[in-house]
């Protein structure tokens, strides 16, 4: 019988953490490779009276 190999989990402090910058609709408009999330946000911000706080941009992710 083969033995099972048990992988140890990394401690939370050693795991890779990615942070995404919040960008506004004008940054999404200028983006060369627009993502689906950004396009949805841009169309929502074109509505009259829309208030936006930005959307996390996957292209601006940084490893912390």
N, C-alpha and C. Protein backbone atom coordinates (compact mmCIF):
# COMPACT_ATOMS: atom_id res chain seq x y z
N UNK A 1 0.82 -1.19 0.00
CA UNK A 1 0.00 0.00 0.00
C UNK A 1 0.86 1.25 0.00
N UNK A 2 0.46 2.23 -0.78
CA UNK A 2 1.20 3.48 -0.84
C UNK A 2 0.80 4.40 0.31
N UNK A 3 1.78 5.12 0.82
CA UNK A 3 1.50 6.06 1.89
C UNK A 3 1.01 7.37 1.30
N UNK A 4 0.11 8.03 2.04
CA UNK A 4 -0.36 9.33 1.60
C UNK A 4 0.67 10.39 1.96
N UNK A 5 0.86 11.33 1.05
CA UNK A 5 1.77 12.43 1.32
C UNK A 5 0.93 13.60 1.81
N UNK A 6 1.24 14.06 3.01
CA UNK A 6 0.50 15.17 3.60
C UNK A 6 1.32 16.44 3.46
N UNK A 7 0.74 17.45 2.80
CA UNK A 7 1.42 18.72 2.65
C UNK A 7 1.13 19.59 3.86
N UNK A 8 2.16 20.20 4.40
CA UNK A 8 1.96 21.12 5.51
C UNK A 8 1.53 22.47 4.96
N UNK A 9 0.57 23.09 5.64
CA UNK A 9 0.12 24.41 5.23
C UNK A 9 1.13 25.45 5.68
N UNK A 10 1.28 26.49 4.85
CA UNK A 10 2.15 27.58 5.22
C UNK A 10 1.47 28.41 6.30
N UNK A 11 2.25 28.96 7.22
CA UNK A 11 1.64 29.87 8.19
C UNK A 11 1.08 31.09 7.47
N UNK A 12 0.10 31.72 8.04
CA UNK A 12 -0.55 32.87 7.41
C UNK A 12 0.46 33.97 7.13
N UNK A 13 1.44 34.14 7.98
CA UNK A 13 2.42 35.21 7.80
C UNK A 13 3.34 34.96 6.61
N UNK A 14 3.47 33.72 6.15
CA UNK A 14 4.36 33.40 5.03
C UNK A 14 3.66 33.36 3.69
N UNK A 15 2.36 33.47 3.67
CA UNK A 15 1.62 33.39 2.41
C UNK A 15 1.77 34.68 1.61
N UNK A 16 1.69 34.55 0.30
CA UNK A 16 1.78 35.71 -0.58
C UNK A 16 0.47 36.48 -0.52
N UNK A 17 0.59 37.79 -0.35
CA UNK A 17 -0.58 38.65 -0.28
C UNK A 17 -0.51 39.62 -1.45
N UNK A 18 -1.55 39.67 -2.24
CA UNK A 18 -1.61 40.58 -3.38
C UNK A 18 -2.52 41.75 -3.01
N UNK A 19 -2.10 42.95 -3.33
CA UNK A 19 -2.94 44.12 -3.13
C UNK A 19 -3.25 44.73 -4.49
N UNK A 20 -4.48 45.16 -4.66
CA UNK A 20 -4.92 45.78 -5.90
C UNK A 20 -5.22 47.25 -5.63
N UNK A 21 -4.76 48.12 -6.52
CA UNK A 21 -5.06 49.54 -6.36
C UNK A 21 -6.47 49.81 -6.84
N UNK A 22 -7.13 50.76 -6.17
CA UNK A 22 -8.45 51.20 -6.62
C UNK A 22 -8.25 52.25 -7.69
N UNK A 23 -8.92 52.08 -8.82
CA UNK A 23 -8.82 53.04 -9.90
C UNK A 23 -10.22 53.56 -10.22
N UNK A 24 -10.27 54.78 -10.71
CA UNK A 24 -11.55 55.40 -11.07
C UNK A 24 -11.85 55.14 -12.55
N UNK A 25 -13.01 55.58 -12.96
CA UNK A 25 -13.44 55.28 -14.33
C UNK A 25 -12.57 55.97 -15.38
N UNK A 26 -11.99 57.12 -15.07
CA UNK A 26 -11.14 57.78 -16.07
C UNK A 26 -9.87 56.99 -16.32
N UNK A 27 -9.36 56.30 -15.31
CA UNK A 27 -8.19 55.43 -15.50
C UNK A 27 -8.57 54.22 -16.33
N UNK A 28 -9.76 53.68 -16.08
CA UNK A 28 -10.25 52.53 -16.87
C UNK A 28 -10.44 52.91 -18.34
N UNK A 29 -10.86 54.14 -18.59
CA UNK A 29 -11.06 54.60 -19.97
C UNK A 29 -9.73 54.60 -20.74
N UNK A 30 -8.64 54.98 -20.07
CA UNK A 30 -7.34 55.08 -20.73
C UNK A 30 -6.61 53.75 -20.81
N UNK A 31 -7.10 52.74 -20.11
CA UNK A 31 -6.41 51.46 -20.05
C UNK A 31 -6.35 50.80 -21.43
N UNK A 32 -5.19 50.23 -21.76
CA UNK A 32 -5.02 49.58 -23.07
C UNK A 32 -5.64 48.20 -23.11
N UNK A 33 -5.66 47.51 -21.97
CA UNK A 33 -6.26 46.18 -21.92
C UNK A 33 -7.39 46.19 -20.89
N UNK A 34 -8.56 46.61 -21.31
CA UNK A 34 -9.68 46.78 -20.39
C UNK A 34 -10.26 45.42 -20.00
N UNK A 35 -10.54 45.28 -18.70
CA UNK A 35 -11.10 44.04 -18.18
C UNK A 35 -12.62 44.18 -18.06
N UNK A 36 -13.29 43.07 -17.85
CA UNK A 36 -14.75 43.08 -17.76
C UNK A 36 -15.23 43.89 -16.57
N UNK A 37 -14.52 43.79 -15.46
CA UNK A 37 -14.91 44.54 -14.26
C UNK A 37 -14.83 46.05 -14.51
N UNK A 38 -13.76 46.48 -15.18
CA UNK A 38 -13.58 47.89 -15.49
C UNK A 38 -14.62 48.40 -16.47
N UNK A 39 -14.97 47.60 -17.45
CA UNK A 39 -15.98 48.00 -18.43
C UNK A 39 -17.34 48.16 -17.76
N UNK A 40 -17.68 47.23 -16.86
CA UNK A 40 -18.94 47.35 -16.11
C UNK A 40 -18.96 48.61 -15.26
N UNK A 41 -17.83 48.91 -14.63
CA UNK A 41 -17.73 50.10 -13.79
C UNK A 41 -17.87 51.36 -14.62
N UNK A 42 -17.23 51.39 -15.80
CA UNK A 42 -17.33 52.57 -16.67
C UNK A 42 -18.76 52.82 -17.10
N UNK A 43 -19.48 51.76 -17.47
CA UNK A 43 -20.87 51.94 -17.90
C UNK A 43 -21.75 52.39 -16.74
N UNK A 44 -21.46 51.92 -15.54
CA UNK A 44 -22.24 52.34 -14.37
C UNK A 44 -21.97 53.81 -14.05
N UNK A 45 -20.75 54.27 -14.27
CA UNK A 45 -20.41 55.66 -13.96
C UNK A 45 -20.94 56.63 -15.01
N UNK A 46 -21.33 56.14 -16.16
CA UNK A 46 -21.90 57.02 -17.19
C UNK A 46 -23.35 57.39 -16.89
N UNK A 47 -23.98 56.67 -15.98
CA UNK A 47 -25.36 56.97 -15.61
C UNK A 47 -25.40 58.29 -14.84
N UNK A 48 -26.45 59.09 -15.05
CA UNK A 48 -26.54 60.37 -14.33
C UNK A 48 -26.73 60.14 -12.83
N UNK A 49 -25.98 60.88 -12.04
CA UNK A 49 -26.08 60.78 -10.58
C UNK A 49 -25.30 59.65 -9.97
N UNK A 50 -24.47 58.97 -10.74
CA UNK A 50 -23.70 57.84 -10.22
C UNK A 50 -22.56 58.33 -9.33
N UNK A 51 -22.36 57.65 -8.22
CA UNK A 51 -21.27 57.97 -7.31
C UNK A 51 -20.36 56.76 -7.27
N UNK A 52 -19.11 56.96 -7.62
CA UNK A 52 -18.17 55.86 -7.66
C UNK A 52 -17.03 56.04 -6.69
N UNK A 53 -16.57 54.95 -6.13
CA UNK A 53 -15.43 54.99 -5.22
C UNK A 53 -14.24 54.25 -5.81
N UNK A 54 -14.35 53.83 -7.03
CA UNK A 54 -13.26 53.11 -7.68
C UNK A 54 -13.52 51.62 -7.73
N UNK A 55 -12.69 50.95 -8.49
CA UNK A 55 -12.81 49.50 -8.65
C UNK A 55 -11.40 48.91 -8.55
N UNK A 56 -11.23 47.75 -7.90
CA UNK A 56 -9.90 47.15 -7.83
C UNK A 56 -9.42 46.72 -9.21
N UNK A 57 -8.23 47.14 -9.58
CA UNK A 57 -7.69 46.85 -10.91
C UNK A 57 -6.70 45.70 -10.81
N UNK A 58 -6.96 44.62 -11.53
CA UNK A 58 -6.10 43.44 -11.52
C UNK A 58 -4.74 43.72 -12.17
N UNK A 59 -4.67 44.71 -13.03
CA UNK A 59 -3.43 45.04 -13.71
C UNK A 59 -2.46 45.81 -12.83
N UNK A 60 -2.95 46.31 -11.70
CA UNK A 60 -2.09 47.10 -10.81
C UNK A 60 -1.77 46.32 -9.53
N UNK A 61 -1.84 44.99 -9.58
CA UNK A 61 -1.60 44.23 -8.37
C UNK A 61 -0.13 44.22 -7.99
N UNK A 62 0.12 44.21 -6.70
CA UNK A 62 1.47 44.28 -6.15
C UNK A 62 1.60 43.20 -5.09
N UNK A 63 2.69 42.48 -5.12
CA UNK A 63 2.94 41.44 -4.11
C UNK A 63 3.47 42.11 -2.85
N UNK A 64 2.84 41.82 -1.74
CA UNK A 64 3.27 42.39 -0.47
C UNK A 64 3.95 41.38 0.37
